[in-house]
């Protein structure tokens, strides 16, 4: 299955996503902030990135922009997964290059559907 990078500063959220993804056969990489997320993505070239927004230092919007605009990482779909549920946040996330935008708490079936659609190129 896919190699998926979780970028989230919450150990609880990271654990929940890891449990879901591994149960469905995916391999999981982790980063606890935006800067580390960008570095891991550049080094490991995951198949997909799940990106939180509210993190210390480089936030998820900034990290998403760096990944989707970077020549070596532009092909990697980024899905923003955040508690920020305003329409302006959703629009801004998409403008940064995010393939999709989900709000926490995320339903497992919805998460897997979005991941599968992104991995299929949709």
PDB file of N, CA and C in Angstrom:
ATOM      1  N   UNK A   1       0.835  -1.199   0.000  1.00  0.00           N
ATOM      2  CA  UNK A   1       0.000   0.000   0.000  1.00  0.00           C
ATOM      3  C   UNK A   1       0.869   1.248   0.000  1.00  0.00           C
ATOM      4  N   UNK A   2       0.264   2.366   0.324  1.00  0.00           N
ATOM      5  CA  UNK A   2       0.940   3.655   0.211  1.00  0.00           C
ATOM      6  C   UNK A   2       1.784   3.977   1.440  1.00  0.00           C
ATOM      7  N   UNK A   3       2.772   4.845   1.216  1.00  0.00           N
ATOM      8  CA  UNK A   3       3.559   5.424   2.303  1.00  0.00           C
ATOM      9  C   UNK A   3       2.968   6.802   2.553  1.00  0.00           C
ATOM     10  N   UNK A   4       2.457   7.022   3.757  1.00  0.00           N
ATOM     11  CA  UNK A   4       1.750   8.263   4.074  1.00  0.00           C
ATOM     12  C   UNK A   4       2.457   8.977   5.220  1.00  0.00           C
ATOM     13  N   UNK A   5       2.747  10.251   5.010  1.00  0.00           N
ATOM     14  CA  UNK A   5       3.394  11.092   6.020  1.00  0.00           C
ATOM     15  C   UNK A   5       2.321  11.856   6.789  1.00  0.00           C
ATOM     16  N   UNK A   6       2.325  11.692   8.109  1.00  0.00           N
ATOM     17  CA  UNK A   6       1.431  12.453   8.989  1.00  0.00           C
ATOM     18  C   UNK A   6       2.239  13.601   9.583  1.00  0.00           C
ATOM     19  N   UNK A   7       1.790  14.838   9.339  1.00  0.00           N
ATOM     20  CA  UNK A   7       2.456  16.008   9.912  1.00  0.00           C
ATOM     21  C   UNK A   7       1.469  16.635  10.897  1.00  0.00           C
ATOM     22  N   UNK A   8       1.719  16.426  12.191  1.00  0.00           N
ATOM     23  CA  UNK A   8       0.803  16.912  13.229  1.00  0.00           C
ATOM     24  C   UNK A   8       1.576  17.023  14.533  1.00  0.00           C
ATOM     25  N   UNK A   9       1.366  18.113  15.257  1.00  0.00           N
ATOM     26  CA  UNK A   9       2.078  18.303  16.524  1.00  0.00           C
ATOM     27  C   UNK A   9       1.372  17.630  17.692  1.00  0.00           C
ATOM     28  N   UNK A  10       0.220  17.016  17.454  1.00  0.00           N
ATOM     29  CA  UNK A  10      -0.512  16.328  18.520  1.00  0.00           C
ATOM     30  C   UNK A  10      -0.217  14.828  18.485  1.00  0.00           C
ATOM     31  N   UNK A  11       0.450  14.306  19.528  1.00  0.00           N
ATOM     32  CA  UNK A  11       0.710  12.866  19.564  1.00  0.00           C
ATOM     33  C   UNK A  11      -0.579  12.043  19.515  1.00  0.00           C
ATOM     34  N   UNK A  12      -1.660  12.571  20.102  1.00  0.00           N
ATOM     35  CA  UNK A  12      -2.941  11.855  20.102  1.00  0.00           C
ATOM     36  C   UNK A  12      -3.492  11.738  18.687  1.00  0.00           C
ATOM     37  N   UNK A  13      -3.500  12.846  17.945  1.00  0.00           N
ATOM     38  CA  UNK A  13      -3.994  12.830  16.565  1.00  0.00           C
ATOM     39  C   UNK A  13      -3.121  11.932  15.690  1.00  0.00           C
ATOM     40  N   UNK A  14      -1.809  12.046  15.862  1.00  0.00           N
ATOM     41  CA  UNK A  14      -0.889  11.223  15.083  1.00  0.00           C
ATOM     42  C   UNK A  14      -1.154   9.742  15.346  1.00  0.00           C
ATOM     43  N   UNK A  15      -1.361   9.394  16.607  1.00  0.00           N
ATOM     44  CA  UNK A  15      -1.639   8.006  16.974  1.00  0.00           C
ATOM     45  C   UNK A  15      -2.932   7.521  16.304  1.00  0.00           C
ATOM     46  N   UNK A  16      -3.988   8.353  16.353  1.00  0.00           N
ATOM     47  CA  UNK A  16      -5.270   7.962  15.757  1.00  0.00           C
ATOM     48  C   UNK A  16      -5.118   7.717  14.251  1.00  0.00           C
ATOM     49  N   UNK A  17      -4.432   8.636  13.572  1.00  0.00           N
ATOM     50  CA  UNK A  17      -4.244   8.475  12.127  1.00  0.00           C
ATOM     51  C   UNK A  17      -3.387   7.243  11.816  1.00  0.00           C
ATOM     52  N   UNK A  18      -2.327   7.046  12.618  1.00  0.00           N
ATOM     53  CA  UNK A  18      -1.448   5.893  12.406  1.00  0.00           C
ATOM     54  C   UNK A  18      -2.259   4.593  12.535  1.00  0.00           C
ATOM     55  N   UNK A  19      -3.093   4.498  13.565  1.00  0.00           N
ATOM     56  CA  UNK A  19      -3.915   3.296  13.782  1.00  0.00           C
ATOM     57  C   UNK A  19      -4.798   3.008  12.573  1.00  0.00           C
ATOM     58  N   UNK A  20      -5.476   4.025  12.089  1.00  0.00           N
ATOM     59  CA  UNK A  20      -6.374   3.859  10.932  1.00  0.00           C
ATOM     60  C   UNK A  20      -5.578   3.433   9.698  1.00  0.00           C
ATOM     61  N   UNK A  21      -4.503   4.149   9.422  1.00  0.00           N
ATOM     62  CA  UNK A  21      -3.737   3.891   8.205  1.00  0.00           C
ATOM     63  C   UNK A  21      -3.086   2.511   8.216  1.00  0.00           C
ATOM     64  N   UNK A  22      -2.472   2.137   9.337  1.00  0.00           N
ATOM     65  CA  UNK A  22      -1.807   0.839   9.410  1.00  0.00           C
ATOM     66  C   UNK A  22      -2.825  -0.305   9.345  1.00  0.00           C
ATOM     67  N   UNK A  23      -4.005  -0.099   9.918  1.00  0.00           N
ATOM     68  CA  UNK A  23      -5.057  -1.111   9.861  1.00  0.00           C
ATOM     69  C   UNK A  23      -5.468  -1.379   8.409  1.00  0.00           C
ATOM     70  N   UNK A  24      -5.297  -0.380   7.560  1.00  0.00           N
ATOM     71  CA  UNK A  24      -5.668  -0.525   6.154  1.00  0.00           C
ATOM     72  C   UNK A  24      -4.449  -0.756   5.255  1.00  0.00           C
ATOM     73  N   UNK A  25      -3.338  -1.160   5.870  1.00  0.00           N
ATOM     74  CA  UNK A  25      -2.183  -1.606   5.108  1.00  0.00           C
ATOM     75  C   UNK A  25      -1.201  -0.542   4.663  1.00  0.00           C
ATOM     76  N   UNK A  26      -1.388   0.696   5.104  1.00  0.00           N
ATOM     77  CA  UNK A  26      -0.467   1.760   4.701  1.00  0.00           C
ATOM     78  C   UNK A  26       0.743   1.801   5.630  1.00  0.00           C
ATOM     79  N   UNK A  27       1.866   2.263   5.099  1.00  0.00           N
ATOM     80  CA  UNK A  27       3.052   2.507   5.916  1.00  0.00           C
ATOM     81  C   UNK A  27       3.038   3.969   6.329  1.00  0.00           C
ATOM     82  N   UNK A  28       3.394   4.251   7.562  1.00  0.00           N
ATOM     83  CA  UNK A  28       3.267   5.594   8.110  1.00  0.00           C
ATOM     84  C   UNK A  28       4.629   6.201   8.432  1.00  0.00           C
ATOM     85  N   UNK A  29       4.801   7.447   8.023  1.00  0.00           N
ATOM     86  CA  UNK A  29       5.934   8.280   8.419  1.00  0.00           C
ATOM     87  C   UNK A  29       5.341   9.405   9.267  1.00  0.00           C
ATOM     88  N   UNK A  30       6.153   9.979  10.154  1.00  0.00           N
ATOM     89  CA  UNK A  30       5.630  11.029  11.033  1.00  0.00           C
ATOM     90  C   UNK A  30       6.565  12.216  11.112  1.00  0.00           C
ATOM     91  N   UNK A  31       5.961  13.397  11.301  1.00  0.00           N
ATOM     92  CA  UNK A  31       6.706  14.617  11.593  1.00  0.00           C
ATOM     93  C   UNK A  31       5.843  15.441  12.542  1.00  0.00           C
ATOM     94  N   UNK A  32       6.478  16.094  13.524  1.00  0.00           N
ATOM     95  CA  UNK A  32       5.731  16.786  14.568  1.00  0.00           C
ATOM     96  C   UNK A  32       5.529  18.272  14.309  1.00  0.00           C
ATOM     97  N   UNK A  33       6.062  18.786  13.195  1.00  0.00           N
ATOM     98  CA  UNK A  33       5.825  20.193  12.858  1.00  0.00           C
ATOM     99  C   UNK A  33       6.029  20.395  11.352  1.00  0.00           C
ATOM    100  N   UNK A  34       5.672  21.581  10.882  1.00  0.00           N
ATOM    101  CA  UNK A  34       5.714  21.853   9.452  1.00  0.00           C
ATOM    102  C   UNK A  34       7.101  21.746   8.840  1.00  0.00           C
ATOM    103  N   UNK A  35       8.099  22.306   9.516  1.00  0.00           N
ATOM    104  CA  UNK A  35       9.467  22.272   8.972  1.00  0.00           C
ATOM    105  C   UNK A  35       9.970  20.834   8.845  1.00  0.00           C
ATOM    106  N   UNK A  36       9.740  20.031   9.883  1.00  0.00           N
ATOM    107  CA  UNK A  36      10.147  18.624   9.817  1.00  0.00           C
ATOM    108  C   UNK A  36       9.355  17.884   8.747  1.00  0.00           C
ATOM    109  N   UNK A  37       8.075  18.236   8.610  1.00  0.00           N
ATOM    110  CA  UNK A  37       7.241  17.608   7.593  1.00  0.00           C
ATOM    111  C   UNK A  37       7.779  17.835   6.197  1.00  0.00           C
ATOM    112  N   UNK A  38       8.192  19.059   5.915  1.00  0.00           N
ATOM    113  CA  UNK A  38       8.767  19.381   4.610  1.00  0.00           C
ATOM    114  C   UNK A  38      10.065  18.599   4.413  1.00  0.00           C
ATOM    115  N   UNK A  39      10.910  18.558   5.448  1.00  0.00           N
ATOM    116  CA  UNK A  39      12.193  17.848   5.355  1.00  0.00           C
ATOM    117  C   UNK A  39      11.982  16.349   5.124  1.00  0.00           C
ATOM    118  N   UNK A  40      11.058  15.734   5.879  1.00  0.00           N
ATOM    119  CA  UNK A  40      10.795  14.302   5.725  1.00  0.00           C
ATOM    120  C   UNK A  40      10.226  14.025   4.333  1.00  0.00           C
ATOM    121  N   UNK A  41       9.316  14.873   3.870  1.00  0.00           N
ATOM    122  CA  UNK A  41       8.712  14.679   2.544  1.00  0.00           C
ATOM    123  C   UNK A  41       9.776  14.762   1.449  1.00  0.00           C
ATOM    124  N   UNK A  42      10.698  15.697   1.592  1.00  0.00           N
ATOM    125  CA  UNK A  42      11.757  15.834   0.578  1.00  0.00           C
ATOM    126  C   UNK A  42      12.692  14.639   0.585  1.00  0.00           C
ATOM    127  N   UNK A  43      12.964  14.113   1.763  1.00  0.00           N
ATOM    128  CA  UNK A  43      13.893  12.987   1.884  1.00  0.00           C
ATOM    129  C   UNK A  43      13.230  11.658   1.523  1.00  0.00           C
ATOM    130  N   UNK A  44      12.020  11.426   2.018  1.00  0.00           N
ATOM    131  CA  UNK A  44      11.374  10.114   1.905  1.00  0.00           C
ATOM    132  C   UNK A  44      10.443   9.971   0.701  1.00  0.00           C
ATOM    133  N   UNK A  45       9.988  11.094   0.133  1.00  0.00           N
ATOM    134  CA  UNK A  45       9.056  11.086  -1.006  1.00  0.00           C
ATOM    135  C   UNK A  45       7.849  10.167  -0.750  1.00  0.00           C
ATOM    136  N   UNK A  46       7.031  10.501   0.266  1.00  0.00           N
ATOM    137  CA  UNK A  46       5.854   9.674   0.554  1.00  0.00           C
ATOM    138  C   UNK A  46       4.854   9.753  -0.598  1.00  0.00           C
ATOM    139  N   UNK A  47       3.891   8.846  -0.598  1.00  0.00           N
ATOM    140  CA  UNK A  47       2.861   8.842  -1.630  1.00  0.00           C
ATOM    141  C   UNK A  47       1.796   9.903  -1.369  1.00  0.00           C
ATOM    142  N   UNK A  48       1.674  10.317  -0.095  1.00  0.00           N
ATOM    143  CA  UNK A  48       0.665  11.301   0.279  1.00  0.00           C
ATOM    144  C   UNK A  48       1.044  11.902   1.627  1.00  0.00           C
ATOM    145  N   UNK A  49       0.612  13.155   1.875  1.00  0.00           N
ATOM    146  CA  UNK A  49       0.872  13.824   3.153  1.00  0.00           C
ATOM    147  C   UNK A  49      -0.457  14.238   3.775  1.00  0.00           C
ATOM    148  N   UNK A  50      -0.645  13.892   5.066  1.00  0.00           N
ATOM    149  CA  UNK A  50      -1.760  14.418   5.856  1.00  0.00           C
ATOM    150  C   UNK A  50      -1.186  15.556   6.687  1.00  0.00           C
ATOM    151  N   UNK A  51      -1.677  16.783   6.476  1.00  0.00           N
ATOM    152  CA  UNK A  51      -1.065  17.985   7.053  1.00  0.00           C
ATOM    153  C   UNK A  51      -2.004  18.705   8.006  1.00  0.00           C
ATOM    154  N   UNK A  52      -1.586  18.825   9.268  1.00  0.00           N
ATOM    155  CA  UNK A  52      -2.299  19.670  10.222  1.00  0.00           C
ATOM    156  C   UNK A  52      -1.985  21.124   9.861  1.00  0.00           C
ATOM    157  N   UNK A  53      -2.770  22.072  10.370  1.00  0.00           N
ATOM    158  CA  UNK A  53      -2.494  23.480  10.087  1.00  0.00           C
ATOM    159  C   UNK A  53      -1.855  24.175  11.280  1.00  0.00           C
ATOM    160  N   UNK A  54      -2.462  24.029  12.459  1.00  0.00           N
ATOM    161  CA  UNK A  54      -2.003  24.779  13.630  1.00  0.00           C
ATOM    162  C   UNK A  54      -0.847  24.031  14.288  1.00  0.00           C
ATOM    163  N   UNK A  55       0.369  24.516  13.994  1.00  0.00           N
ATOM    164  CA  UNK A  55       1.589  23.919  14.552  1.00  0.00           C
ATOM    165  C   UNK A  55       2.582  25.043  14.827  1.00  0.00           C
ATOM    166  N   UNK A  56       3.495  24.826  15.778  1.00  0.00           N
ATOM    167  CA  UNK A  56       4.498  25.858  16.059  1.00  0.00           C
ATOM    168  C   UNK A  56       5.458  26.010  14.884  1.00  0.00           C
ATOM    169  N   UNK A  57       5.996  27.221  14.727  1.00  0.00           N
ATOM    170  CA  UNK A  57       6.942  27.469  13.634  1.00  0.00           C
ATOM    171  C   UNK A  57       6.211  27.515  12.307  1.00  0.00           C
ATOM    172  N   UNK A  58       6.689  26.734  11.369  1.00  0.00           N
ATOM    173  CA  UNK A  58       6.096  26.670  10.033  1.00  0.00           C
ATOM    174  C   UNK A  58       4.712  26.011  10.139  1.00  0.00           C
ATOM    175  N   UNK A  59       3.651  26.768   9.827  1.00  0.00           N
ATOM    176  CA  UNK A  59       2.322  26.173   9.960  1.00  0.00           C
ATOM    177  C   UNK A  59       1.984  25.304   8.751  1.00  0.00           C
ATOM    178  N   UNK A  60       0.854  24.613   8.824  1.00  0.00           N
ATOM    179  CA  UNK A  60       0.480  23.675   7.772  1.00  0.00           C
ATOM    180  C   UNK A  60       0.237  24.322   6.426  1.00  0.00           C
ATOM    181  N   UNK A  61      -0.294  25.545   6.415  1.00  0.00           N
ATOM    182  CA  UNK A  61      -0.492  26.243   5.141  1.00  0.00           C
ATOM    183  C   UNK A  61       0.855  26.528   4.477  1.00  0.00           C
ATOM    184  N   UNK A  62       1.802  27.016   5.279  1.00  0.00           N
ATOM    185  CA  UNK A  62       3.140  27.324   4.748  1.00  0.00           C
ATOM    186  C   UNK A  62       3.848  26.058   4.274  1.00  0.00           C
ATOM    187  N   UNK A  63       3.759  24.989   5.063  1.00  0.00           N
ATOM    188  CA  UNK A  63       4.408  23.727   4.693  1.00  0.00           C
ATOM    189  C   UNK A  63       3.766  23.149   3.429  1.00  0.00           C
ATOM    190  N   UNK A  64       2.447  23.235   3.331  1.00  0.00           N
ATOM    191  CA  UNK A  64       1.749  22.752   2.134  1.00  0.00           C
ATOM    192  C   UNK A  64       2.229  23.508   0.904  1.00  0.00           C
ATOM    193  N   UNK A  65       2.334  24.821   1.018  1.00  0.00           N
ATOM    194  CA  UNK A  65       2.801  25.638  -0.104  1.00  0.00           C
ATOM    195  C   UNK A  65       4.215  25.227  -0.523  1.00  0.00           C
ATOM    196  N   UNK A  66       5.097  25.014   0.455  1.00  0.00           N
ATOM    197  CA  UNK A  66       6.473  24.612   0.123  1.00  0.00           C
ATOM    198  C   UNK A  66       6.491  23.271  -0.611  1.00  0.00           C
ATOM    199  N   UNK A  67       5.656  22.332  -0.164  1.00  0.00           N
ATOM    200  CA  UNK A  67       5.646  21.006  -0.790  1.00  0.00           C
ATOM    201  C   UNK A  67       5.018  21.041  -2.178  1.00  0.00           C
ATOM    202  N   UNK A  68       3.890  21.728  -2.322  1.00  0.00           N
ATOM    203  CA  UNK A  68       3.186  21.699  -3.602  1.00  0.00           C
ATOM    204  C   UNK A  68       3.853  22.574  -4.653  1.00  0.00           C
ATOM    205  N   UNK A  69       4.682  23.506  -4.216  1.00  0.00           N
ATOM    206  CA  UNK A  69       5.392  24.369  -5.175  1.00  0.00           C
ATOM    207  C   UNK A  69       6.828  23.907  -5.429  1.00  0.00           C
ATOM    208  N   UNK A  70       7.322  22.974  -4.614  1.00  0.00           N
ATOM    209  CA  UNK A  70       8.697  22.491  -4.762  1.00  0.00           C
ATOM    210  C   UNK A  70       8.813  21.514  -5.926  1.00  0.00           C
ATOM    211  N   UNK A  71       9.826  21.684  -6.735  1.00  0.00           N
ATOM    212  CA  UNK A  71      10.006  20.836  -7.922  1.00  0.00           C
ATOM    213  C   UNK A  71      10.113  19.356  -7.554  1.00  0.00           C
ATOM    214  N   UNK A  72      10.745  19.061  -6.411  1.00  0.00           N
ATOM    215  CA  UNK A  72      10.963  17.663  -6.021  1.00  0.00           C
ATOM    216  C   UNK A  72       9.782  17.047  -5.267  1.00  0.00           C
ATOM    217  N   UNK A  73       8.796  17.879  -4.863  1.00  0.00           N
ATOM    218  CA  UNK A  73       7.679  17.356  -4.074  1.00  0.00           C
ATOM    219  C   UNK A  73       6.300  17.733  -4.626  1.00  0.00           C
ATOM    220  N   UNK A  74       6.246  18.457  -5.717  1.00  0.00           N
ATOM    221  CA  UNK A  74       4.966  18.940  -6.254  1.00  0.00           C
ATOM    222  C   UNK A  74       4.019  17.803  -6.633  1.00  0.00           C
ATOM    223  N   UNK A  75       4.577  16.632  -6.929  1.00  0.00           N
ATOM    224  CA  UNK A  75       3.750  15.486  -7.329  1.00  0.00           C
ATOM    225  C   UNK A  75       3.070  14.784  -6.149  1.00  0.00           C
ATOM    226  N   UNK A  76       3.473  15.121  -4.917  1.00  0.00           N
ATOM    227  CA  UNK A  76       2.938  14.453  -3.724  1.00  0.00           C
ATOM    228  C   UNK A  76       1.646  15.150  -3.298  1.00  0.00           C
ATOM    229  N   UNK A  77       0.514  14.438  -3.299  1.00  0.00           N
ATOM    230  CA  UNK A  77      -0.733  15.073  -2.855  1.00  0.00           C
ATOM    231  C   UNK A  77      -0.695  15.370  -1.358  1.00  0.00           C
ATOM    232  N   UNK A  78      -1.163  16.583  -1.016  1.00  0.00           N
ATOM    233  CA  UNK A  78      -1.255  16.992   0.383  1.00  0.00           C
ATOM    234  C   UNK A  78      -2.731  17.141   0.729  1.00  0.00           C
ATOM    235  N   UNK A  79      -3.144  16.487   1.818  1.00  0.00           N
ATOM    236  CA  UNK A  79      -4.501  16.619   2.331  1.00  0.00           C
ATOM    237  C   UNK A  79      -4.402  17.324   3.680  1.00  0.00           C
ATOM    238  N   UNK A  80      -5.004  18.495   3.784  1.00  0.00           N
ATOM    239  CA  UNK A  80      -5.009  19.217   5.052  1.00  0.00           C
ATOM    240  C   UNK A  80      -6.065  18.592   5.954  1.00  0.00           C
ATOM    241  N   UNK A  81      -5.663  18.312   7.206  1.00  0.00           N
ATOM    242  CA  UNK A  81      -6.573  17.744   8.206  1.00  0.00           C
ATOM    243  C   UNK A  81      -6.428  18.614   9.454  1.00  0.00           C
ATOM    244  N   UNK A  82      -7.455  19.404   9.768  1.00  0.00           N
ATOM    245  CA  UNK A  82      -7.321  20.423  10.790  1.00  0.00           C
ATOM    246  C   UNK A  82      -8.626  20.667  11.533  1.00  0.00           C
ATOM    247  N   UNK A  83      -8.537  21.375  12.649  1.00  0.00           N
ATOM    248  CA  UNK A  83      -9.741  21.795  13.369  1.00  0.00           C
ATOM    249  C   UNK A  83     -10.285  23.095  12.786  1.00  0.00           C
ATOM    250  N   UNK A  84      -9.515  23.769  11.931  1.00  0.00           N
ATOM    251  CA  UNK A  84      -9.954  25.038  11.332  1.00  0.00           C
ATOM    252  C   UNK A  84     -11.017  24.738  10.273  1.00  0.00           C
ATOM    253  N   UNK A  85     -12.282  25.114  10.593  1.00  0.00           N
ATOM    254  CA  UNK A  85     -13.368  24.712   9.703  1.00  0.00           C
ATOM    255  C   UNK A  85     -14.081  25.879   9.018  1.00  0.00           C
ATOM    256  N   UNK A  86     -13.454  27.033   8.974  1.00  0.00           N
ATOM    257  CA  UNK A  86     -14.049  28.169   8.275  1.00  0.00           C
ATOM    258  C   UNK A  86     -13.866  28.019   6.767  1.00  0.00           C
ATOM    259  N   UNK A  87     -14.803  28.518   6.003  1.00  0.00           N
ATOM    260  CA  UNK A  87     -14.708  28.438   4.545  1.00  0.00           C
ATOM    261  C   UNK A  87     -13.453  29.156   4.037  1.00  0.00           C
ATOM    262  N   UNK A  88     -13.077  30.264   4.690  1.00  0.00           N
ATOM    263  CA  UNK A  88     -11.871  30.985   4.267  1.00  0.00           C
ATOM    264  C   UNK A  88     -10.627  30.121   4.448  1.00  0.00           C
ATOM    265  N   UNK A  89     -10.593  29.323   5.515  1.00  0.00           N
ATOM    266  CA  UNK A  89      -9.464  28.412   5.741  1.00  0.00           C
ATOM    267  C   UNK A  89      -9.416  27.361   4.638  1.00  0.00           C
ATOM    268  N   UNK A  90     -10.568  26.825   4.288  1.00  0.00           N
ATOM    269  CA  UNK A  90     -10.663  25.800   3.247  1.00  0.00           C
ATOM    270  C   UNK A  90     -10.166  26.349   1.902  1.00  0.00           C
ATOM    271  N   UNK A  91     -10.629  27.547   1.579  1.00  0.00           N
ATOM    272  CA  UNK A  91     -10.211  28.185   0.314  1.00  0.00           C
ATOM    273  C   UNK A  91      -8.704  28.446   0.336  1.00  0.00           C
ATOM    274  N   UNK A  92      -8.211  28.956   1.451  1.00  0.00           N
ATOM    275  CA  UNK A  92      -6.778  29.263   1.566  1.00  0.00           C
ATOM    276  C   UNK A  92      -5.948  27.983   1.452  1.00  0.00           C
ATOM    277  N   UNK A  93      -6.400  26.916   2.094  1.00  0.00           N
ATOM    278  CA  UNK A  93      -5.689  25.638   2.009  1.00  0.00           C
ATOM    279  C   UNK A  93      -5.588  25.144   0.574  1.00  0.00           C
ATOM    280  N   UNK A  94      -6.685  25.244  -0.158  1.00  0.00           N
ATOM    281  CA  UNK A  94      -6.683  24.809  -1.565  1.00  0.00           C
ATOM    282  C   UNK A  94      -5.758  25.707  -2.395  1.00  0.00           C
ATOM    283  N   UNK A  95      -5.728  26.991  -2.071  1.00  0.00           N
ATOM    284  CA  UNK A  95      -4.837  27.912  -2.798  1.00  0.00           C
ATOM    285  C   UNK A  95      -3.368  27.579  -2.566  1.00  0.00           C
ATOM    286  N   UNK A  96      -3.073  26.988  -1.421  1.00  0.00           N
ATOM    287  CA  UNK A  96      -1.688  26.607  -1.130  1.00  0.00           C
ATOM    288  C   UNK A  96      -1.307  25.340  -1.884  1.00  0.00           C
ATOM    289  N   UNK A  97      -2.289  24.702  -2.509  1.00  0.00           N
ATOM    290  CA  UNK A  97      -2.009  23.513  -3.299  1.00  0.00           C
ATOM    291  C   UNK A  97      -2.550  22.224  -2.718  1.00  0.00           C
ATOM    292  N   UNK A  98      -3.274  22.304  -1.580  1.00  0.00           N
ATOM    293  CA  UNK A  98      -3.813  21.084  -0.971  1.00  0.00           C
ATOM    294  C   UNK A  98      -4.801  20.422  -1.923  1.00  0.00           C
ATOM    295  N   UNK A  99      -4.714  19.105  -2.029  1.00  0.00           N
ATOM    296  CA  UNK A  99      -5.606  18.340  -2.898  1.00  0.00           C
ATOM    297  C   UNK A  99      -6.998  18.238  -2.288  1.00  0.00           C
ATOM    298  N   UNK A 100      -7.047  18.190  -0.937  1.00  0.00           N
ATOM    299  CA  UNK A 100      -8.335  18.143  -0.258  1.00  0.00           C
ATOM    300  C   UNK A 100      -8.168  18.770   1.122  1.00  0.00           C
ATOM    301  N   UNK A 101      -9.294  18.984   1.824  1.00  0.00           N
ATOM    302  CA  UNK A 101      -9.298  19.673   3.109  1.00  0.00           C
ATOM    303  C   UNK A 101     -10.343  19.013   3.990  1.00  0.00           C
ATOM    304  N   UNK A 102      -9.903  18.405   5.080  1.00  0.00           N
ATOM    305  CA  UNK A 102     -10.802  17.721   6.014  1.00  0.00           C
ATOM    306  C   UNK A 102     -10.714  18.381   7.377  1.00  0.00           C
ATOM    307  N   UNK A 103     -11.840  18.382   8.111  1.00  0.00           N
ATOM    308  CA  UNK A 103     -11.812  18.945   9.457  1.00  0.00           C
ATOM    309  C   UNK A 103     -11.928  17.832  10.491  1.00  0.00           C
ATOM    310  N   UNK A 104     -11.189  18.027  11.590  1.00  0.00           N
ATOM    311  CA  UNK A 104     -11.180  17.073  12.692  1.00  0.00           C
ATOM    312  C   UNK A 104     -12.422  17.285  13.550  1.00  0.00           C
ATOM    313  N   UNK A 105     -12.962  16.257  14.161  1.00  0.00           N
ATOM    314  CA  UNK A 105     -12.534  14.865  14.006  1.00  0.00           C
ATOM    315  C   UNK A 105     -12.978  14.308  12.655  1.00  0.00           C
ATOM    316  N   UNK A 106     -12.108  13.512  12.054  1.00  0.00           N
ATOM    317  CA  UNK A 106     -12.362  12.984  10.720  1.00  0.00           C
ATOM    318  C   UNK A 106     -12.959  11.583  10.812  1.00  0.00           C
ATOM    319  N   UNK A 107     -14.027  11.366  10.089  1.00  0.00           N
ATOM    320  CA  UNK A 107     -14.626  10.044  10.003  1.00  0.00           C
ATOM    321  C   UNK A 107     -13.667   9.132   9.240  1.00  0.00           C
ATOM    322  N   UNK A 108     -13.433   7.938   9.760  1.00  0.00           N
ATOM    323  CA  UNK A 108     -12.476   7.013   9.154  1.00  0.00           C
ATOM    324  C   UNK A 108     -12.800   6.718   7.691  1.00  0.00           C
ATOM    325  N   UNK A 109     -14.062   6.480   7.380  1.00  0.00           N
ATOM    326  CA  UNK A 109     -14.446   6.156   6.003  1.00  0.00           C
ATOM    327  C   UNK A 109     -14.185   7.332   5.065  1.00  0.00           C
ATOM    328  N   UNK A 110     -14.468   8.544   5.547  1.00  0.00           N
ATOM    329  CA  UNK A 110     -14.220   9.742   4.733  1.00  0.00           C
ATOM    330  C   UNK A 110     -12.724   9.912   4.498  1.00  0.00           C
ATOM    331  N   UNK A 111     -11.933   9.748   5.548  1.00  0.00           N
ATOM    332  CA  UNK A 111     -10.480   9.864   5.428  1.00  0.00           C
ATOM    333  C   UNK A 111      -9.942   8.880   4.391  1.00  0.00           C
ATOM    334  N   UNK A 112     -10.341   7.622   4.495  1.00  0.00           N
ATOM    335  CA  UNK A 112      -9.852   6.603   3.570  1.00  0.00           C
ATOM    336  C   UNK A 112     -10.317   6.869   2.145  1.00  0.00           C
ATOM    337  N   UNK A 113     -11.540   7.362   1.990  1.00  0.00           N
ATOM    338  CA  UNK A 113     -12.053   7.701   0.656  1.00  0.00           C
ATOM    339  C   UNK A 113     -11.209   8.794   0.014  1.00  0.00           C
ATOM    340  N   UNK A 114     -10.912   9.844   0.781  1.00  0.00           N
ATOM    341  CA  UNK A 114     -10.107  10.954   0.258  1.00  0.00           C
ATOM    342  C   UNK A 114      -8.695  10.481  -0.073  1.00  0.00           C
ATOM    343  N   UNK A 115      -8.106   9.684   0.807  1.00  0.00           N
ATOM    344  CA  UNK A 115      -6.761   9.164   0.552  1.00  0.00           C
ATOM    345  C   UNK A 115      -6.757   8.322  -0.725  1.00  0.00           C
ATOM    346  N   UNK A 116      -7.707   7.416  -0.854  1.00  0.00           N
ATOM    347  CA  UNK A 116      -7.748   6.560  -2.033  1.00  0.00           C
ATOM    348  C   UNK A 116      -7.960   7.367  -3.321  1.00  0.00           C
ATOM    349  N   UNK A 117      -8.815   8.382  -3.246  1.00  0.00           N
ATOM    350  CA  UNK A 117      -9.061   9.223  -4.421  1.00  0.00           C
ATOM    351  C   UNK A 117      -7.784  10.002  -4.802  1.00  0.00           C
ATOM    352  N   UNK A 118      -7.093  10.535  -3.812  1.00  0.00           N
ATOM    353  CA  UNK A 118      -5.862  11.279  -4.088  1.00  0.00           C
ATOM    354  C   UNK A 118      -4.760  10.373  -4.639  1.00  0.00           C
ATOM    355  N   UNK A 119      -4.652   9.175  -4.086  1.00  0.00           N
ATOM    356  CA  UNK A 119      -3.639   8.244  -4.552  1.00  0.00           C
ATOM    357  C   UNK A 119      -3.918   7.777  -5.985  1.00  0.00           C
ATOM    358  N   UNK A 120      -5.203   7.776  -6.349  1.00  0.00           N
ATOM    359  CA  UNK A 120      -5.588   7.364  -7.704  1.00  0.00           C
ATOM    360  C   UNK A 120      -5.447   8.507  -8.703  1.00  0.00           C
ATOM    361  N   UNK A 121      -5.022   9.670  -8.191  1.00  0.00           N
ATOM    362  CA  UNK A 121      -4.815  10.813  -9.071  1.00  0.00           C
ATOM    363  C   UNK A 121      -6.000  11.745  -9.181  1.00  0.00           C
ATOM    364  N   UNK A 122      -6.996  11.527  -8.338  1.00  0.00           N
ATOM    365  CA  UNK A 122      -8.211  12.351  -8.396  1.00  0.00           C
ATOM    366  C   UNK A 122      -8.152  13.576  -7.548  1.00  0.00           C
TER     367      UNK A 122
END
